[in-house]
Protein backbone atom coordinates (compact mmCIF):
# COMPACT_ATOMS: atom_id res chain seq x y z
CA MET A 1 83.20 -15.08 -11.35
CA ALA A 2 80.99 -14.07 -8.42
CA GLN A 3 82.70 -14.11 -5.06
CA THR A 4 81.36 -16.19 -2.20
CA PRO A 5 80.68 -14.48 1.14
CA ALA A 6 83.74 -16.25 2.53
CA SER A 7 86.03 -15.02 -0.22
CA LEU A 8 84.66 -11.49 0.11
CA ARG A 9 85.46 -11.49 3.80
CA SER A 10 88.91 -12.78 2.99
CA ASN A 11 89.46 -10.02 0.46
CA LEU A 12 88.38 -7.36 2.92
CA GLY A 13 90.88 -8.82 5.31
CA SER A 14 89.94 -7.10 8.50
CA PHE A 15 87.00 -5.44 10.18
CA ALA A 16 88.73 -2.09 9.72
CA LEU A 17 88.40 -2.49 5.97
CA ILE A 18 84.90 -3.88 6.34
CA GLY A 19 84.05 -0.74 8.26
CA ILE A 20 85.28 1.39 5.36
CA VAL A 21 83.20 -0.57 2.90
CA ILE A 22 80.12 -0.33 5.12
CA ALA A 23 80.59 3.42 5.33
CA VAL A 24 80.55 3.39 1.54
CA LEU A 25 77.37 1.36 1.53
CA ALA A 26 75.73 3.72 3.97
CA GLY A 27 76.78 6.60 1.77
CA ALA A 28 75.21 4.95 -1.24
CA PHE A 29 71.93 4.47 0.61
CA ALA A 30 71.00 8.10 -0.05
CA TYR A 31 70.79 6.84 -3.59
CA THR A 32 68.27 4.09 -2.71
CA ALA A 33 66.51 4.56 0.60
CA GLY A 34 62.79 4.97 0.60
CA PHE A 35 59.35 4.18 1.84
CA LEU A 36 59.43 0.58 2.99
CA SER A 37 56.30 -1.27 4.08
CA PRO A 38 54.52 1.47 6.04
CA GLY A 39 53.43 -0.91 8.79
CA ARG A 40 57.03 -1.85 9.55
CA LEU A 41 59.40 0.80 8.30
CA THR A 42 58.95 4.42 7.29
CA PRO A 43 61.09 7.05 5.59
CA LYS A 44 61.44 8.69 9.01
CA LYS A 45 63.22 5.61 10.38
CA VAL A 46 65.27 5.10 7.26
CA VAL A 47 66.53 8.68 7.06
CA ALA A 48 67.28 8.68 10.78
CA ALA A 49 69.54 5.66 10.21
CA PHE A 50 71.96 7.86 8.25
CA ALA A 51 72.78 10.01 11.27
CA PRO A 52 76.06 9.35 13.08
CA ALA A 53 76.08 8.87 16.83
CA SER A 54 76.65 12.59 17.27
CA GLY A 55 73.47 13.39 15.33
CA PRO A 56 72.77 14.67 11.81
CA ALA A 57 74.37 17.73 10.27
CA LEU A 58 71.46 20.14 10.61
CA GLY A 59 70.43 22.01 7.52
CA HIS A 60 72.19 19.55 5.24
CA ARG A 61 71.04 16.66 3.12
CA ARG A 62 70.88 13.61 5.34
CA ASN A 63 73.27 11.86 2.99
CA HIS A 64 75.44 12.90 0.08
CA ALA A 65 75.79 15.91 2.35
CA LYS A 66 79.04 17.18 0.85
CA GLY A 67 78.65 18.65 -2.60
CA ILE A 68 79.12 21.51 -5.03
CA CYS A 69 76.75 22.97 -7.63
CA PHE A 70 77.17 23.28 -11.38
CA THR A 71 75.26 24.66 -14.35
CA GLY A 72 75.53 23.88 -18.02
CA VAL A 73 73.60 22.39 -20.92
CA PHE A 74 72.52 19.04 -22.25
CA GLU A 75 73.20 18.89 -25.97
CA SER A 76 70.83 16.32 -27.44
CA ASN A 77 71.88 14.76 -30.73
CA GLY A 78 68.36 13.59 -31.60
CA ASP A 79 69.19 9.87 -31.52
CA GLY A 80 67.09 9.34 -28.40
CA ALA A 81 63.89 10.49 -30.08
CA ALA A 82 63.30 7.05 -31.59
CA LEU A 83 63.38 5.57 -28.08
CA SER A 84 61.41 8.16 -26.12
CA ARG A 85 58.96 10.93 -26.92
CA ALA A 86 60.46 13.07 -24.13
CA ALA A 87 61.22 16.51 -25.55
CA VAL A 88 64.69 16.41 -24.03
CA PHE A 89 65.69 13.96 -26.77
CA ASP A 90 64.77 16.30 -29.61
CA ARG A 91 67.91 17.73 -31.15
CA GLY A 92 68.96 20.91 -29.36
CA GLN A 93 70.42 22.34 -26.17
CA TYR A 94 68.63 22.32 -22.82
CA PRO A 95 69.64 24.04 -19.57
CA VAL A 96 71.07 21.89 -16.81
CA LEU A 97 71.74 22.38 -13.15
CA GLY A 98 73.32 19.77 -10.97
CA ARG A 99 75.48 18.81 -8.07
CA PHE A 100 78.66 16.78 -7.68
CA ASN A 101 78.67 15.05 -4.31
CA LEU A 102 80.13 12.47 -1.97
CA GLY A 103 78.17 9.61 -0.41
CA THR A 104 78.48 10.66 3.21
CA ALA A 105 76.29 12.15 5.94
CA ASP A 106 79.17 14.40 7.00
CA PRO A 107 79.42 17.65 4.99
CA ASN A 108 82.95 18.09 6.34
CA ALA A 109 84.23 14.62 5.47
CA ALA A 110 87.64 14.41 3.84
CA ASP A 111 87.43 13.38 0.19
CA SER A 112 89.78 10.45 0.75
CA THR A 113 87.39 8.81 3.22
CA VAL A 114 84.44 8.46 0.83
CA ARG A 115 84.43 5.93 -2.01
CA VAL A 116 81.03 6.73 -3.51
CA ARG A 117 80.82 9.84 -5.66
CA GLY A 118 77.58 11.03 -7.16
CA ILE A 119 75.94 13.46 -9.50
CA GLY A 120 72.49 15.00 -9.23
CA LEU A 121 71.10 16.30 -12.50
CA GLN A 122 68.12 18.35 -13.66
CA ILE A 123 67.43 18.93 -17.36
CA ALA A 124 64.60 21.29 -18.32
CA THR A 125 62.89 21.90 -21.66
CA PRO A 126 61.19 25.09 -22.90
CA GLU A 127 57.67 23.73 -22.45
CA GLY A 128 58.33 23.14 -18.75
CA ALA A 129 59.20 19.44 -18.67
CA VAL A 130 61.79 18.45 -16.07
CA TRP A 131 63.95 15.35 -15.83
CA ARG A 132 65.78 14.75 -12.57
CA SER A 133 68.25 11.98 -11.94
CA ALA A 134 70.69 10.96 -9.22
CA MET A 135 73.55 8.66 -10.19
CA ILE A 136 76.66 7.24 -8.54
CA ASN A 137 80.02 5.99 -9.74
CA ALA A 138 79.51 2.39 -8.58
CA PRO A 139 78.65 0.02 -11.45
CA VAL A 140 76.26 -2.04 -9.30
CA PHE A 141 74.37 -1.57 -6.05
CA PRO A 142 75.14 -3.64 -2.93
CA VAL A 143 71.74 -5.24 -2.29
CA SER A 144 68.69 -6.03 -4.35
CA THR A 145 65.81 -4.60 -2.32
CA PRO A 146 65.20 -1.56 -0.11
CA GLN A 147 64.34 -3.90 2.76
CA ALA A 148 67.72 -5.60 2.41
CA PHE A 149 69.49 -2.29 2.48
CA TYR A 150 67.85 -1.31 5.74
CA GLY A 151 68.97 -4.69 7.07
CA LEU A 152 72.49 -3.86 5.95
CA LEU A 153 72.41 -0.55 7.80
CA GLU A 154 71.35 -2.33 10.96
CA ALA A 155 73.91 -5.09 10.50
CA SER A 156 76.76 -2.64 10.01
CA LYS A 157 76.56 -1.61 13.68
CA THR A 158 78.51 -4.67 14.86
CA PRO A 159 81.14 -6.94 13.27
CA GLU A 160 79.22 -10.08 14.15
CA ALA A 161 75.98 -8.87 12.59
CA MET A 162 77.82 -7.73 9.48
CA LYS A 163 79.49 -11.10 8.99
CA ALA A 164 76.12 -12.81 9.27
CA PHE A 165 74.57 -10.37 6.82
CA GLN A 166 77.35 -10.94 4.30
CA ALA A 167 76.85 -14.67 4.54
CA ALA A 168 73.12 -14.28 3.90
CA HIS A 169 73.57 -11.78 1.04
CA PRO A 170 76.16 -12.99 -1.48
CA GLU A 171 75.01 -10.24 -3.88
CA LEU A 172 77.19 -7.90 -1.79
CA ALA A 173 80.25 -9.36 -3.50
CA GLY A 174 80.08 -7.27 -6.66
CA PHE A 175 79.76 -3.95 -4.89
CA GLY A 176 82.25 -4.97 -2.22
CA ALA A 177 84.88 -5.84 -4.83
CA TRP A 178 84.43 -2.43 -6.47
CA ALA A 179 84.44 -0.53 -3.16
CA SER A 180 87.65 -2.15 -1.95
CA ARG A 181 89.63 -1.27 -5.09
CA LYS A 182 92.40 1.27 -4.59
CA ASP A 183 92.39 2.80 -8.07
CA TRP A 184 90.26 5.86 -7.41
CA THR A 185 90.15 8.78 -9.84
CA SER A 186 91.51 12.24 -9.14
CA SER A 187 88.47 14.26 -10.26
CA TYR A 188 84.70 14.33 -10.40
CA ALA A 189 85.24 14.95 -14.11
CA GLU A 190 86.89 11.56 -14.58
CA GLU A 191 84.07 9.48 -13.09
CA PRO A 192 81.34 7.60 -14.93
CA TYR A 193 77.96 7.89 -13.21
CA HIS A 194 75.35 5.13 -13.40
CA SER A 195 71.59 5.20 -12.97
CA LEU A 196 71.74 1.58 -11.71
CA ASN A 197 67.93 1.54 -11.54
CA ALA A 198 65.94 0.60 -14.62
CA PHE A 199 63.40 2.94 -16.18
CA VAL A 200 61.10 2.66 -19.19
CA PHE A 201 61.32 4.81 -22.31
CA VAL A 202 58.08 5.24 -24.28
CA ASN A 203 58.33 6.47 -27.86
CA ALA A 204 55.80 8.27 -30.06
CA ALA A 205 54.30 4.96 -31.19
CA GLY A 206 53.75 3.84 -27.59
CA HIS A 207 56.52 1.24 -27.63
CA GLU A 208 57.98 0.65 -24.15
CA GLN A 209 61.69 -0.08 -23.77
CA PRO A 210 63.34 -0.81 -20.40
CA VAL A 211 66.62 1.07 -20.09
CA ARG A 212 69.41 2.09 -17.80
CA TRP A 213 71.67 5.05 -18.47
CA ALA A 214 75.12 6.30 -17.60
CA LEU A 215 77.25 9.40 -18.01
CA ILE A 216 80.57 8.49 -19.64
CA PRO A 217 83.32 11.08 -19.06
CA ALA A 218 85.31 12.60 -21.90
CA ALA A 219 88.18 13.24 -19.50
CA PRO A 220 90.56 10.28 -19.22
CA ALA A 221 90.82 8.75 -15.78
CA VAL A 222 93.93 9.55 -13.76
CA THR A 223 94.08 6.94 -11.04
CA ILE A 224 95.06 7.84 -7.52
CA SER A 225 95.18 6.00 -4.22
CA PRO A 226 93.18 7.17 -1.20
CA ASP A 227 96.47 8.05 0.52
CA GLU A 228 97.54 10.21 -2.40
CA LEU A 229 94.14 11.90 -2.41
CA ALA A 230 94.45 12.60 1.31
CA GLU A 231 97.75 14.35 0.72
CA ARG A 232 96.03 16.80 -1.63
CA GLY A 233 93.73 18.05 1.10
CA PRO A 234 90.27 17.26 2.50
CA ASN A 235 88.42 19.34 -0.12
CA TYR A 236 90.58 18.68 -3.15
CA LEU A 237 87.79 17.37 -5.38
CA GLU A 238 85.76 20.59 -5.13
CA GLN A 239 88.85 22.72 -5.71
CA GLU A 240 89.96 20.60 -8.65
CA ILE A 241 86.60 20.57 -10.46
CA THR A 242 86.24 24.33 -9.97
CA GLU A 243 89.64 24.99 -11.55
CA ARG A 244 89.12 22.42 -14.29
CA VAL A 245 85.77 23.82 -15.41
CA ARG A 246 87.07 27.38 -15.19
CA ALA A 247 89.72 26.38 -17.73
CA ASN A 248 87.44 24.33 -19.99
CA PRO A 249 83.86 23.01 -19.90
CA GLN A 250 83.71 19.32 -18.99
CA ARG A 251 81.74 16.77 -20.98
CA TRP A 252 80.02 13.44 -20.45
CA THR A 253 78.22 11.31 -23.03
CA LEU A 254 74.73 10.26 -21.94
CA ARG A 255 74.63 6.58 -22.90
CA VAL A 256 71.35 4.64 -22.78
CA THR A 257 71.53 0.84 -22.51
CA LEU A 258 68.57 -1.12 -23.85
CA ALA A 259 67.42 -4.23 -22.00
CA GLU A 260 66.54 -7.42 -23.82
CA PRO A 261 63.81 -9.84 -22.71
CA GLY A 262 64.88 -11.59 -19.52
CA ASP A 263 67.26 -8.88 -18.35
CA PRO A 264 66.58 -8.06 -14.69
CA THR A 265 64.91 -4.66 -14.34
CA SER A 266 64.09 -4.80 -10.63
CA ASP A 267 67.52 -5.71 -9.23
CA PRO A 268 70.31 -3.08 -9.36
CA THR A 269 72.92 -5.56 -8.09
CA LYS A 270 72.84 -7.30 -11.47
CA ALA A 271 74.61 -5.68 -14.40
CA TRP A 272 73.18 -6.36 -17.83
CA PRO A 273 75.36 -8.25 -20.33
CA GLN A 274 77.98 -6.11 -22.02
CA ASP A 275 76.68 -6.91 -25.50
CA ARG A 276 73.43 -5.01 -24.96
CA ARG A 277 72.72 -2.23 -27.43
CA ASN A 278 73.86 1.24 -26.34
CA VAL A 279 72.61 4.51 -27.79
CA ASP A 280 74.52 7.73 -27.15
CA VAL A 281 71.76 10.33 -26.97
CA GLY A 282 73.69 13.51 -26.23
CA THR A 283 76.33 15.30 -24.20
CA LEU A 284 76.24 16.85 -20.74
CA ILE A 285 78.39 19.98 -20.75
CA VAL A 286 79.29 21.41 -17.34
CA GLN A 287 80.08 25.09 -17.86
CA GLN A 288 80.24 26.67 -14.41
CA ILE A 289 80.85 25.55 -10.83
CA GLU A 290 79.27 27.35 -7.87
CA ALA A 291 79.68 26.81 -4.15
CA GLU A 292 76.65 25.07 -2.69
CA PRO A 293 75.65 27.41 0.18
CA ASP A 294 74.30 30.03 -2.23
CA GLY A 295 74.33 27.95 -5.40
CA PRO A 296 71.41 26.91 -7.61
CA CYS A 297 71.48 23.26 -6.50
CA ARG A 298 71.15 24.00 -2.78
CA ASP A 299 67.38 23.66 -2.61
CA ILE A 300 66.86 21.12 -5.39
CA ASN A 301 65.56 17.69 -4.47
CA PHE A 302 67.00 15.34 -7.10
CA ASP A 303 64.02 12.99 -6.89
CA PRO A 304 64.47 10.29 -9.56
CA THR A 305 60.72 9.92 -10.04
CA ILE A 306 60.43 13.46 -11.44
CA LEU A 307 60.32 12.42 -15.08
CA PRO A 308 59.09 13.97 -18.33
CA ARG A 309 56.42 12.39 -20.50
CA GLY A 310 58.18 9.59 -22.34
CA ILE A 311 60.13 8.27 -19.35
CA GLN A 312 58.49 6.09 -16.71
CA VAL A 313 59.53 4.09 -13.67
CA SER A 314 59.90 0.34 -14.13
CA ASP A 315 59.24 -2.54 -11.73
CA ASP A 316 62.43 -1.54 -9.88
CA PRO A 317 61.28 -0.69 -6.31
CA PHE A 318 64.14 1.69 -5.58
CA PRO A 319 63.08 4.91 -7.36
CA ALA A 320 59.87 5.13 -5.32
CA ALA A 321 61.82 4.27 -2.18
CA ARG A 322 64.39 6.93 -2.97
CA SER A 323 61.66 9.48 -3.65
CA ALA A 324 60.16 9.00 -0.20
CA ALA A 325 63.52 9.25 1.56
CA TYR A 326 64.55 12.30 -0.45
CA ALA A 327 61.30 14.02 0.49
CA ARG A 328 61.86 13.32 4.17
CA SER A 329 65.44 14.59 3.98
CA TYR A 330 64.30 17.69 2.10
CA ASP A 331 61.63 18.49 4.66
CA LEU A 332 64.14 18.19 7.49
CA ARG A 333 66.86 20.32 6.00
CA THR A 334 64.56 23.07 4.78
CA ALA A 335 63.13 23.32 8.29
CA GLU A 336 66.69 23.77 9.58
CA THR A 337 67.70 26.67 7.32
CA LYS A 338 69.05 28.66 10.25
CA ASP A 339 71.58 25.91 10.90
CA TYR A 340 72.93 25.87 7.34
CA PRO A 341 76.02 28.00 6.68
CA ARG A 342 75.43 30.84 4.26
CA THR A 343 77.75 33.51 3.04
CA LYS A 344 77.44 36.94 4.63
CA THR A 345 76.04 38.40 1.40
CA SER A 346 73.42 35.70 0.93
CA THR A 347 69.84 36.77 0.31
CA ARG A 348 68.53 33.28 -0.18
CA PRO A 349 65.96 32.13 2.40
């Protein structure tokens, strides 16, 4: 049953907890922010809203700033070829590079302070097609439009404004309930990652099918509280995934969910019914972890509108909004290369 704004506030209990949830929401905005009505709001304003009072972390992504690179393969089983003509769904293995990350503007944030975890992914095919995606572990998004999210960022500056925003946006309840749960996982490898936004698959016959996708982990979830995670150290997640992958490659099933007529494709706050058809189209295999400063993901912009032939954007406004914000963030951080920490042996520009 959906929670009312009043019950959500009651569940959060105090502004201290509301503040934690809002920090989560702000972290997730790197996943959705974009170009909003050029006469009123631009990517410049939106990206600037991520910065803390002390200013942005120069040289870093303006959000999801803490992360670690990985490489591996996507092993397609061929079952996606009936849904999309994208070559990545032909049976075979395709090289992958990606990035595990936390939804925060602070690259030095302690793992236990950030609820949203993400994955950036690039899959390439021999003929040069590229599919990029950025997903998070939340099952739904907090608000239904980019404009509403900017309003949420503004409202989060004061308790009074936030209470008013919650009352006006009951769709926050689903995300707020997830964010306030205390059963976190102990590893990036144990998280599912959701596209949340809808896209359109186009097959060889030209049939268009709205879809969402998710990465479903093979590793069983080991739940942990934020306090327990804090005891393991501020950078435990990066240390743990490095050791885990060194011991054994980690796997996720790429599961595509097919919409039926009437399912909302433009509102990521609304989950589709659980009885929708799912097609498992392959396996992501993470084979090697590399530190970000000199790693292969450092200079990749995981723009979700970079899609191969056979995958298109839908009527969901967020991918285009995200693309614009990602571009702004990329331009800023690449202009600040001197401020980004590199290793002494680095030869990367």
